[in-house]
Amino acid sequence: MVPAASHSHNHGHSHDHAHSHGHDHSHAHVHDAASPHPAQDAPWSILRMTAAGRLSAAAAVCAALWVVVWLAMR
């Protein structure tokens, strides 16, 4: 069995935000591949719908689009 390689390093810099130069200093909200954004609960998801639910949702969208076409042709 081969031991896993350990990559441990320390960044010796600090961000001191105690100084004030008359401007707003902010950091971007960034995530890399090692720490992705956590999954969030969706109030609804098309992936969790049943086949009948998907078909009825598609029929409703199709009907709404046909209403838009019918109103535009009037």
PDB file of N, CA and C in Angstrom:
ATOM      1  N   MET A   1       0.841  -1.172   0.000  1.00  0.00           N
ATOM      2  CA  MET A   1       0.000   0.000   0.000  1.00  0.00           C
ATOM      3  C   MET A   1       0.889   1.239   0.000  1.00  0.00           C
ATOM      4  N   VAL A   2       0.556   2.181  -0.872  1.00  0.00           N
ATOM      5  CA  VAL A   2       1.347   3.396  -1.028  1.00  0.00           C
ATOM      6  C   VAL A   2       0.722   4.492  -0.166  1.00  0.00           C
ATOM      7  N   PRO A   3       1.518   5.146   0.694  1.00  0.00           N
ATOM      8  CA  PRO A   3       0.936   6.223   1.509  1.00  0.00           C
ATOM      9  C   PRO A   3       0.566   7.426   0.641  1.00  0.00           C
ATOM     10  N   ALA A   4      -0.494   8.083   1.023  1.00  0.00           N
ATOM     11  CA  ALA A   4      -0.957   9.257   0.274  1.00  0.00           C
ATOM     12  C   ALA A   4       0.007  10.414   0.497  1.00  0.00           C
ATOM     13  N   ALA A   5       0.220  11.167  -0.558  1.00  0.00           N
ATOM     14  CA  ALA A   5       1.103  12.327  -0.465  1.00  0.00           C
ATOM     15  C   ALA A   5       0.421  13.415   0.351  1.00  0.00           C
ATOM     16  N   SER A   6       1.155  14.016   1.241  1.00  0.00           N
ATOM     17  CA  SER A   6       0.605  15.066   2.079  1.00  0.00           C
ATOM     18  C   SER A   6       1.167  16.406   1.640  1.00  0.00           C
ATOM     19  N   HIS A   7       0.282  17.315   1.287  1.00  0.00           N
ATOM     20  CA  HIS A   7       0.690  18.650   0.874  1.00  0.00           C
ATOM     21  C   HIS A   7       0.201  19.618   1.941  1.00  0.00           C
ATOM     22  N   SER A   8       1.104  20.014   2.794  1.00  0.00           N
ATOM     23  CA  SER A   8       0.752  20.959   3.841  1.00  0.00           C
ATOM     24  C   SER A   8       1.652  22.166   3.716  1.00  0.00           C
ATOM     25  N   HIS A   9       1.047  23.332   3.570  1.00  0.00           N
ATOM     26  CA  HIS A   9       1.826  24.550   3.506  1.00  0.00           C
ATOM     27  C   HIS A   9       1.049  25.672   4.174  1.00  0.00           C
ATOM     28  N   ASN A  10       1.771  26.667   4.575  1.00  0.00           N
ATOM     29  CA  ASN A  10       1.180  27.766   5.301  1.00  0.00           C
ATOM     30  C   ASN A  10       1.467  29.061   4.561  1.00  0.00           C
ATOM     31  N   HIS A  11       0.442  29.853   4.366  1.00  0.00           N
ATOM     32  CA  HIS A  11       0.629  31.165   3.766  1.00  0.00           C
ATOM     33  C   HIS A  11       0.816  32.159   4.901  1.00  0.00           C
ATOM     34  N   GLY A  12       1.929  32.814   4.924  1.00  0.00           N
ATOM     35  CA  GLY A  12       2.259  33.693   6.031  1.00  0.00           C
ATOM     36  C   GLY A  12       1.822  35.127   5.839  1.00  0.00           C
ATOM     37  N   HIS A  13       0.757  35.397   5.149  1.00  0.00           N
ATOM     38  CA  HIS A  13       0.306  36.769   4.993  1.00  0.00           C
ATOM     39  C   HIS A  13      -0.998  36.957   5.748  1.00  0.00           C
ATOM     40  N   SER A  14      -1.277  38.205   6.077  1.00  0.00           N
ATOM     41  CA  SER A  14      -2.513  38.505   6.774  1.00  0.00           C
ATOM     42  C   SER A  14      -3.184  39.690   6.085  1.00  0.00           C
ATOM     43  N   HIS A  15      -4.478  39.761   6.269  1.00  0.00           N
ATOM     44  CA  HIS A  15      -5.256  40.858   5.709  1.00  0.00           C
ATOM     45  C   HIS A  15      -5.689  41.750   6.865  1.00  0.00           C
ATOM     46  N   ASP A  16      -5.075  42.885   6.987  1.00  0.00           N
ATOM     47  CA  ASP A  16      -5.402  43.818   8.055  1.00  0.00           C
ATOM     48  C   ASP A  16      -6.363  44.859   7.508  1.00  0.00           C
ATOM     49  N   HIS A  17      -7.576  44.828   7.989  1.00  0.00           N
ATOM     50  CA  HIS A  17      -8.598  45.759   7.505  1.00  0.00           C
ATOM     51  C   HIS A  17      -8.819  46.903   8.493  1.00  0.00           C
ATOM     52  N   ALA A  18      -7.879  47.105   9.417  1.00  0.00           N
ATOM     53  CA  ALA A  18      -8.030  48.153  10.414  1.00  0.00           C
ATOM     54  C   ALA A  18      -7.714  49.532   9.839  1.00  0.00           C
ATOM     55  N   HIS A  19      -6.989  49.593   8.734  1.00  0.00           N
ATOM     56  CA  HIS A  19      -6.634  50.881   8.169  1.00  0.00           C
ATOM     57  C   HIS A  19      -7.785  51.444   7.333  1.00  0.00           C
ATOM     58  N   SER A  20      -7.827  52.759   7.236  1.00  0.00           N
ATOM     59  CA  SER A  20      -8.894  53.415   6.496  1.00  0.00           C
ATOM     60  C   SER A  20      -8.290  54.467   5.578  1.00  0.00           C
ATOM     61  N   HIS A  21      -8.549  54.330   4.299  1.00  0.00           N
ATOM     62  CA  HIS A  21      -8.044  55.282   3.312  1.00  0.00           C
ATOM     63  C   HIS A  21      -9.177  55.959   2.559  1.00  0.00           C
ATOM     64  N   GLY A  22     -10.380  55.884   3.100  1.00  0.00           N
ATOM     65  CA  GLY A  22     -11.501  56.556   2.464  1.00  0.00           C
ATOM     66  C   GLY A  22     -12.128  55.767   1.330  1.00  0.00           C
ATOM     67  N   HIS A  23     -11.812  54.476   1.206  1.00  0.00           N
ATOM     68  CA  HIS A  23     -12.437  53.667   0.169  1.00  0.00           C
ATOM     69  C   HIS A  23     -12.890  52.353   0.772  1.00  0.00           C
ATOM     70  N   ASP A  24     -13.873  51.757   0.120  1.00  0.00           N
ATOM     71  CA  ASP A  24     -14.421  50.488   0.599  1.00  0.00           C
ATOM     72  C   ASP A  24     -13.613  49.353  -0.008  1.00  0.00           C
ATOM     73  N   HIS A  25     -13.066  48.504   0.844  1.00  0.00           N
ATOM     74  CA  HIS A  25     -12.244  47.387   0.387  1.00  0.00           C
ATOM     75  C   HIS A  25     -12.984  46.092   0.659  1.00  0.00           C
ATOM     76  N   SER A  26     -13.286  45.345  -0.387  1.00  0.00           N
ATOM     77  CA  SER A  26     -13.992  44.074  -0.192  1.00  0.00           C
ATOM     78  C   SER A  26     -13.354  43.005  -1.064  1.00  0.00           C
ATOM     79  N   HIS A  27     -13.472  41.775  -0.606  1.00  0.00           N
ATOM     80  CA  HIS A  27     -12.941  40.636  -1.346  1.00  0.00           C
ATOM     81  C   HIS A  27     -14.071  39.929  -2.076  1.00  0.00           C
ATOM     82  N   ALA A  28     -13.778  39.403  -3.246  1.00  0.00           N
ATOM     83  CA  ALA A  28     -14.773  38.668  -4.021  1.00  0.00           C
ATOM     84  C   ALA A  28     -15.084  37.350  -3.322  1.00  0.00           C
ATOM     85  N   HIS A  29     -16.286  36.868  -3.514  1.00  0.00           N
ATOM     86  CA  HIS A  29     -16.717  35.591  -2.952  1.00  0.00           C
ATOM     87  C   HIS A  29     -16.277  34.499  -3.925  1.00  0.00           C
ATOM     88  N   VAL A  30     -15.189  33.811  -3.594  1.00  0.00           N
ATOM     89  CA  VAL A  30     -14.575  32.869  -4.531  1.00  0.00           C
ATOM     90  C   VAL A  30     -14.474  31.493  -3.889  1.00  0.00           C
ATOM     91  N   HIS A  31     -14.789  30.459  -4.671  1.00  0.00           N
ATOM     92  CA  HIS A  31     -14.602  29.080  -4.246  1.00  0.00           C
ATOM     93  C   HIS A  31     -13.784  28.371  -5.306  1.00  0.00           C
ATOM     94  N   ASP A  32     -12.835  27.549  -4.879  1.00  0.00           N
ATOM     95  CA  ASP A  32     -12.073  26.764  -5.842  1.00  0.00           C
ATOM     96  C   ASP A  32     -12.619  25.337  -5.853  1.00  0.00           C
ATOM     97  N   ALA A  33     -12.016  24.484  -6.642  1.00  0.00           N
ATOM     98  CA  ALA A  33     -12.497  23.114  -6.785  1.00  0.00           C
ATOM     99  C   ALA A  33     -12.353  22.323  -5.489  1.00  0.00           C
ATOM    100  N   ALA A  34     -11.390  22.679  -4.652  1.00  0.00           N
ATOM    101  CA  ALA A  34     -11.176  21.955  -3.407  1.00  0.00           C
ATOM    102  C   ALA A  34     -12.268  22.263  -2.379  1.00  0.00           C
ATOM    103  N   SER A  35     -12.863  23.452  -2.449  1.00  0.00           N
ATOM    104  CA  SER A  35     -13.939  23.805  -1.520  1.00  0.00           C
ATOM    105  C   SER A  35     -15.085  24.426  -2.305  1.00  0.00           C
ATOM    106  N   PRO A  36     -15.891  23.601  -2.978  1.00  0.00           N
ATOM    107  CA  PRO A  36     -16.991  24.137  -3.787  1.00  0.00           C
ATOM    108  C   PRO A  36     -18.097  24.703  -2.903  1.00  0.00           C
ATOM    109  N   HIS A  37     -18.968  25.450  -3.518  1.00  0.00           N
ATOM    110  CA  HIS A  37     -20.090  26.022  -2.801  1.00  0.00           C
ATOM    111  C   HIS A  37     -21.011  24.891  -2.355  1.00  0.00           C
ATOM    112  N   PRO A  38     -21.500  24.923  -1.137  1.00  0.00           N
ATOM    113  CA  PRO A  38     -22.375  23.839  -0.678  1.00  0.00           C
ATOM    114  C   PRO A  38     -23.701  23.830  -1.428  1.00  0.00           C
ATOM    115  N   ALA A  39     -24.261  22.646  -1.583  1.00  0.00           N
ATOM    116  CA  ALA A  39     -25.542  22.517  -2.269  1.00  0.00           C
ATOM    117  C   ALA A  39     -26.638  23.184  -1.450  1.00  0.00           C
ATOM    118  N   GLN A  40     -27.583  23.795  -2.128  1.00  0.00           N
ATOM    119  CA  GLN A  40     -28.678  24.473  -1.448  1.00  0.00           C
ATOM    120  C   GLN A  40     -29.984  23.787  -1.802  1.00  0.00           C
ATOM    121  N   ASP A  41     -30.896  23.743  -0.834  1.00  0.00           N
ATOM    122  CA  ASP A  41     -32.191  23.138  -1.067  1.00  0.00           C
ATOM    123  C   ASP A  41     -32.998  23.999  -2.025  1.00  0.00           C
ATOM    124  N   ALA A  42     -33.503  23.378  -3.082  1.00  0.00           N
ATOM    125  CA  ALA A  42     -34.360  24.087  -4.031  1.00  0.00           C
ATOM    126  C   ALA A  42     -35.811  23.911  -3.595  1.00  0.00           C
ATOM    127  N   PRO A  43     -36.630  24.955  -3.694  1.00  0.00           N
ATOM    128  CA  PRO A  43     -38.032  24.795  -3.327  1.00  0.00           C
ATOM    129  C   PRO A  43     -38.753  23.788  -4.230  1.00  0.00           C
ATOM    130  N   TRP A  44     -38.322  23.687  -5.471  1.00  0.00           N
ATOM    131  CA  TRP A  44     -38.827  22.660  -6.379  1.00  0.00           C
ATOM    132  C   TRP A  44     -37.735  22.349  -7.386  1.00  0.00           C
ATOM    133  N   SER A  45     -37.785  21.169  -7.948  1.00  0.00           N
ATOM    134  CA  SER A  45     -36.794  20.772  -8.933  1.00  0.00           C
ATOM    135  C   SER A  45     -37.464  19.912  -9.989  1.00  0.00           C
ATOM    136  N   ILE A  46     -37.185  20.197 -11.244  1.00  0.00           N
ATOM    137  CA  ILE A  46     -37.758  19.388 -12.324  1.00  0.00           C
ATOM    138  C   ILE A  46     -37.207  17.959 -12.275  1.00  0.00           C
ATOM    139  N   LEU A  47     -36.032  17.797 -11.687  1.00  0.00           N
ATOM    140  CA  LEU A  47     -35.444  16.459 -11.578  1.00  0.00           C
ATOM    141  C   LEU A  47     -36.160  15.599 -10.554  1.00  0.00           C
ATOM    142  N   ARG A  48     -36.861  16.223  -9.606  1.00  0.00           N
ATOM    143  CA  ARG A  48     -37.582  15.466  -8.589  1.00  0.00           C
ATOM    144  C   ARG A  48     -39.044  15.259  -8.949  1.00  0.00           C
ATOM    145  N   MET A  49     -39.486  15.820 -10.071  1.00  0.00           N
ATOM    146  CA  MET A  49     -40.875  15.674 -10.486  1.00  0.00           C
ATOM    147  C   MET A  49     -41.103  14.295 -11.082  1.00  0.00           C
ATOM    148  N   THR A  50     -42.333  13.804 -10.959  1.00  0.00           N
ATOM    149  CA  THR A  50     -42.680  12.545 -11.608  1.00  0.00           C
ATOM    150  C   THR A  50     -42.829  12.779 -13.113  1.00  0.00           C
ATOM    151  N   ALA A  51     -42.911  11.705 -13.859  1.00  0.00           N
ATOM    152  CA  ALA A  51     -43.079  11.828 -15.313  1.00  0.00           C
ATOM    153  C   ALA A  51     -44.390  12.529 -15.637  1.00  0.00           C
ATOM    154  N   ALA A  52     -45.450  12.201 -14.897  1.00  0.00           N
ATOM    155  CA  ALA A  52     -46.740  12.856 -15.134  1.00  0.00           C
ATOM    156  C   ALA A  52     -46.644  14.348 -14.813  1.00  0.00           C
ATOM    157  N   GLY A  53     -45.921  14.697 -13.767  1.00  0.00           N
ATOM    158  CA  GLY A  53     -45.736  16.107 -13.418  1.00  0.00           C
ATOM    159  C   GLY A  53     -44.968  16.846 -14.487  1.00  0.00           C
ATOM    160  N   ARG A  54     -43.940  16.203 -15.031  1.00  0.00           N
ATOM    161  CA  ARG A  54     -43.159  16.837 -16.105  1.00  0.00           C
ATOM    162  C   ARG A  54     -44.004  17.038 -17.351  1.00  0.00           C
ATOM    163  N   LEU A  55     -44.796  16.028 -17.700  1.00  0.00           N
ATOM    164  CA  LEU A  55     -45.644  16.143 -18.885  1.00  0.00           C
ATOM    165  C   LEU A  55     -46.694  17.237 -18.708  1.00  0.00           C
ATOM    166  N   SER A  56     -47.308  17.322 -17.529  1.00  0.00           N
ATOM    167  CA  SER A  56     -48.312  18.366 -17.326  1.00  0.00           C
ATOM    168  C   SER A  56     -47.661  19.747 -17.280  1.00  0.00           C
ATOM    169  N   ALA A  57     -46.446  19.859 -16.732  1.00  0.00           N
ATOM    170  CA  ALA A  57     -45.741  21.147 -16.744  1.00  0.00           C
ATOM    171  C   ALA A  57     -45.399  21.553 -18.171  1.00  0.00           C
ATOM    172  N   ALA A  58     -44.960  20.587 -18.987  1.00  0.00           N
ATOM    173  CA  ALA A  58     -44.638  20.876 -20.384  1.00  0.00           C
ATOM    174  C   ALA A  58     -45.889  21.288 -21.151  1.00  0.00           C
ATOM    175  N   ALA A  59     -47.022  20.630 -20.875  1.00  0.00           N
ATOM    176  CA  ALA A  59     -48.274  20.987 -21.546  1.00  0.00           C
ATOM    177  C   ALA A  59     -48.716  22.396 -21.141  1.00  0.00           C
ATOM    178  N   ALA A  60     -48.526  22.749 -19.869  1.00  0.00           N
ATOM    179  CA  ALA A  60     -48.903  24.090 -19.412  1.00  0.00           C
ATOM    180  C   ALA A  60     -48.029  25.152 -20.071  1.00  0.00           C
ATOM    181  N   VAL A  61     -46.731  24.901 -20.165  1.00  0.00           N
ATOM    182  CA  VAL A  61     -45.832  25.857 -20.821  1.00  0.00           C
ATOM    183  C   VAL A  61     -46.188  25.983 -22.295  1.00  0.00           C
ATOM    184  N   CYS A  62     -46.475  24.867 -22.940  1.00  0.00           N
ATOM    185  CA  CYS A  62     -46.842  24.873 -24.361  1.00  0.00           C
ATOM    186  C   CYS A  62     -48.139  25.666 -24.573  1.00  0.00           C
ATOM    187  N   ALA A  63     -49.117  25.446 -23.701  1.00  0.00           N
ATOM    188  CA  ALA A  63     -50.382  26.183 -23.817  1.00  0.00           C
ATOM    189  C   ALA A  63     -50.160  27.676 -23.613  1.00  0.00           C
ATOM    190  N   ALA A  64     -49.321  28.033 -22.657  1.00  0.00           N
ATOM    191  CA  ALA A  64     -49.043  29.450 -22.421  1.00  0.00           C
ATOM    192  C   ALA A  64     -48.359  30.085 -23.623  1.00  0.00           C
ATOM    193  N   LEU A  65     -47.447  29.356 -24.243  1.00  0.00           N
ATOM    194  CA  LEU A  65     -46.778  29.896 -25.431  1.00  0.00           C
ATOM    195  C   LEU A  65     -47.748  30.036 -26.598  1.00  0.00           C
ATOM    196  N   TRP A  66     -48.685  29.091 -26.751  1.00  0.00           N
ATOM    197  CA  TRP A  66     -49.678  29.212 -27.805  1.00  0.00           C
ATOM    198  C   TRP A  66     -50.598  30.398 -27.542  1.00  0.00           C
ATOM    199  N   VAL A  67     -50.904  30.707 -26.291  1.00  0.00           N
ATOM    200  CA  VAL A  67     -51.702  31.895 -25.968  1.00  0.00           C
ATOM    201  C   VAL A  67     -50.948  33.145 -26.380  1.00  0.00           C
ATOM    202  N   VAL A  68     -49.649  33.186 -26.138  1.00  0.00           N
ATOM    203  CA  VAL A  68     -48.832  34.336 -26.544  1.00  0.00           C
ATOM    204  C   VAL A  68     -48.873  34.474 -28.060  1.00  0.00           C
ATOM    205  N   VAL A  69     -48.742  33.375 -28.781  1.00  0.00           N
ATOM    206  CA  VAL A  69     -48.789  33.422 -30.252  1.00  0.00           C
ATOM    207  C   VAL A  69     -50.157  33.884 -30.719  1.00  0.00           C
ATOM    208  N   TRP A  70     -51.210  33.349 -30.087  1.00  0.00           N
ATOM    209  CA  TRP A  70     -52.571  33.716 -30.496  1.00  0.00           C
ATOM    210  C   TRP A  70     -52.825  35.191 -30.243  1.00  0.00           C
ATOM    211  N   LEU A  71     -52.353  35.721 -29.105  1.00  0.00           N
ATOM    212  CA  LEU A  71     -52.528  37.151 -28.826  1.00  0.00           C
ATOM    213  C   LEU A  71     -51.716  38.024 -29.792  1.00  0.00           C
ATOM    214  N   ALA A  72     -50.547  37.551 -30.182  1.00  0.00           N
ATOM    215  CA  ALA A  72     -49.712  38.333 -31.108  1.00  0.00           C
ATOM    216  C   ALA A  72     -50.327  38.342 -32.506  1.00  0.00           C
ATOM    217  N   MET A  73     -51.053  37.308 -32.880  1.00  0.00           N
ATOM    218  CA  MET A  73     -51.636  37.231 -34.223  1.00  0.00           C
ATOM    219  C   MET A  73     -52.946  38.018 -34.319  1.00  0.00           C
ATOM    220  N   ARG A  74     -53.537  38.388 -33.218  1.00  0.00           N
ATOM    221  CA  ARG A  74     -54.822  39.107 -33.258  1.00  0.00           C
ATOM    222  C   ARG A  74     -54.683  40.483 -33.828  1.00  0.00           C
TER     223      ARG A  74
END
